[in-house]
N, C-alpha and C. Protein backbone atom coordinates (compact mmCIF):
# COMPACT_ATOMS: atom_id res chain seq x y z
N MET A 1 48.30 -10.15 56.84
CA MET A 1 47.65 -9.22 57.75
C MET A 1 46.13 -9.34 57.68
N LYS A 2 45.60 -9.53 56.47
CA LYS A 2 44.16 -9.65 56.33
C LYS A 2 43.64 -10.91 57.00
N LYS A 3 44.44 -11.98 56.96
CA LYS A 3 44.01 -13.23 57.60
C LYS A 3 43.91 -13.04 59.11
N LYS A 4 44.86 -12.34 59.70
CA LYS A 4 44.83 -12.12 61.15
C LYS A 4 43.64 -11.24 61.53
N LEU A 5 43.38 -10.22 60.72
CA LEU A 5 42.25 -9.34 60.99
C LEU A 5 40.93 -10.10 60.87
N PHE A 6 40.83 -10.94 59.83
CA PHE A 6 39.64 -11.75 59.65
C PHE A 6 39.46 -12.72 60.81
N ALA A 7 40.53 -13.36 61.24
CA ALA A 7 40.46 -14.30 62.36
C ALA A 7 40.06 -13.59 63.64
N PHE A 8 40.60 -12.40 63.86
CA PHE A 8 40.25 -11.63 65.05
C PHE A 8 38.77 -11.23 65.02
N ALA A 9 38.31 -10.75 63.88
CA ALA A 9 36.90 -10.35 63.75
C ALA A 9 35.99 -11.56 63.93
N PHE A 10 36.39 -12.69 63.37
CA PHE A 10 35.59 -13.91 63.52
C PHE A 10 35.51 -14.34 64.98
N CYS A 11 36.62 -14.25 65.70
CA CYS A 11 36.62 -14.61 67.12
C CYS A 11 35.71 -13.69 67.92
N ILE A 12 35.76 -12.40 67.64
CA ILE A 12 34.90 -11.46 68.35
C ILE A 12 33.43 -11.77 68.08
N ILE A 13 33.10 -12.04 66.82
CA ILE A 13 31.71 -12.36 66.47
C ILE A 13 31.26 -13.63 67.17
N MET A 14 32.11 -14.64 67.23
CA MET A 14 31.75 -15.89 67.89
C MET A 14 31.57 -15.71 69.39
N VAL A 15 32.43 -14.92 70.01
CA VAL A 15 32.30 -14.66 71.45
C VAL A 15 30.97 -13.96 71.73
N VAL A 16 30.63 -12.97 70.92
CA VAL A 16 29.36 -12.26 71.11
C VAL A 16 28.19 -13.20 70.87
N ALA A 17 28.28 -14.03 69.83
CA ALA A 17 27.19 -14.94 69.51
C ALA A 17 26.96 -15.97 70.62
N ILE A 18 28.01 -16.36 71.31
CA ILE A 18 27.88 -17.33 72.40
C ILE A 18 27.42 -16.65 73.69
N ALA A 19 27.92 -15.45 73.93
CA ALA A 19 27.64 -14.78 75.21
C ALA A 19 26.25 -14.17 75.27
N VAL A 20 25.74 -13.65 74.17
CA VAL A 20 24.45 -12.95 74.20
C VAL A 20 23.31 -13.85 74.66
N PRO A 21 23.14 -15.06 74.14
CA PRO A 21 22.04 -15.90 74.64
C PRO A 21 22.17 -16.26 76.12
N ALA A 22 23.39 -16.37 76.61
CA ALA A 22 23.58 -16.72 78.02
C ALA A 22 23.10 -15.60 78.92
N PHE A 23 23.34 -14.36 78.54
CA PHE A 23 22.90 -13.23 79.36
C PHE A 23 21.45 -12.87 79.10
N ALA A 24 20.92 -13.20 77.93
CA ALA A 24 19.55 -12.84 77.60
C ALA A 24 18.54 -13.83 78.16
N ALA A 25 18.98 -15.03 78.47
CA ALA A 25 18.05 -16.06 78.96
C ALA A 25 17.54 -15.69 80.35
N GLU A 26 16.28 -16.01 80.57
CA GLU A 26 15.70 -15.76 81.88
C GLU A 26 16.23 -16.80 82.87
N PRO A 27 16.40 -16.40 84.12
CA PRO A 27 16.83 -17.39 85.11
C PRO A 27 15.76 -18.46 85.30
N PRO A 28 16.14 -19.67 85.60
CA PRO A 28 15.13 -20.73 85.76
C PRO A 28 14.18 -20.42 86.91
N GLN A 29 12.93 -20.74 86.70
CA GLN A 29 11.91 -20.51 87.72
C GLN A 29 12.01 -21.60 88.79
N ARG A 30 11.85 -21.19 90.03
CA ARG A 30 11.87 -22.16 91.12
C ARG A 30 10.52 -22.84 91.20
N SER A 31 10.54 -24.13 91.29
CA SER A 31 9.28 -24.87 91.37
C SER A 31 8.89 -25.05 92.83
N GLU A 32 7.61 -24.95 93.07
CA GLU A 32 7.09 -25.20 94.41
C GLU A 32 6.67 -26.67 94.47
N GLY A 33 7.20 -27.39 95.39
CA GLY A 33 6.85 -28.80 95.49
C GLY A 33 7.91 -29.57 96.23
N ASP A 34 7.81 -30.88 96.17
CA ASP A 34 8.72 -31.74 96.91
C ASP A 34 10.10 -31.81 96.28
N THR A 35 10.25 -31.31 95.07
CA THR A 35 11.56 -31.42 94.42
C THR A 35 12.51 -30.31 94.83
N THR A 36 12.01 -29.25 95.47
CA THR A 36 12.85 -28.13 95.87
C THR A 36 13.38 -28.39 97.27
N VAL A 37 14.62 -28.84 97.36
CA VAL A 37 15.22 -29.14 98.66
C VAL A 37 16.52 -28.37 98.85
N ILE A 38 16.79 -27.42 97.99
CA ILE A 38 18.08 -26.74 98.02
C ILE A 38 18.24 -25.90 99.29
N ASP A 39 17.19 -25.19 99.69
CA ASP A 39 17.29 -24.28 100.82
C ASP A 39 16.91 -24.91 102.16
N LEU A 40 16.67 -26.20 102.18
CA LEU A 40 16.24 -26.85 103.41
C LEU A 40 17.44 -27.34 104.21
N THR A 41 17.30 -27.29 105.52
CA THR A 41 18.30 -27.94 106.36
C THR A 41 18.02 -29.43 106.36
N TYR A 42 18.93 -30.20 106.92
CA TYR A 42 18.74 -31.65 106.94
C TYR A 42 17.49 -32.03 107.73
N GLU A 43 17.27 -31.36 108.87
CA GLU A 43 16.10 -31.67 109.70
C GLU A 43 14.81 -31.33 108.96
N GLU A 44 14.78 -30.18 108.28
CA GLU A 44 13.58 -29.81 107.53
C GLU A 44 13.32 -30.80 106.40
N PHE A 45 14.39 -31.28 105.78
CA PHE A 45 14.25 -32.24 104.69
C PHE A 45 13.66 -33.55 105.21
N ILE A 46 14.13 -34.02 106.35
CA ILE A 46 13.60 -35.26 106.93
C ILE A 46 12.13 -35.09 107.30
N LYS A 47 11.79 -33.95 107.90
CA LYS A 47 10.38 -33.71 108.24
C LYS A 47 9.51 -33.69 107.00
N LYS A 48 10.02 -33.11 105.93
CA LYS A 48 9.24 -33.05 104.70
C LYS A 48 9.06 -34.44 104.11
N LEU A 49 10.06 -35.29 104.24
CA LEU A 49 9.94 -36.66 103.74
C LEU A 49 8.92 -37.46 104.53
N GLN A 50 8.82 -37.20 105.82
CA GLN A 50 7.92 -37.96 106.68
C GLN A 50 6.46 -37.56 106.48
N ASN A 51 6.22 -36.38 105.96
CA ASN A 51 4.82 -35.93 105.76
C ASN A 51 4.23 -36.45 104.51
């Protein structure tokens, strides 16, 4: 019984240890420049390449 309780407690601690940094991290900052093409349509992307 103690082994199961220890294993359960260990699993909970590991889940918390893995999840906390993921939620605490700041979202990545969007860079302004030619590398940001996610929100562009195909036509806007082509125009940006030609400039």
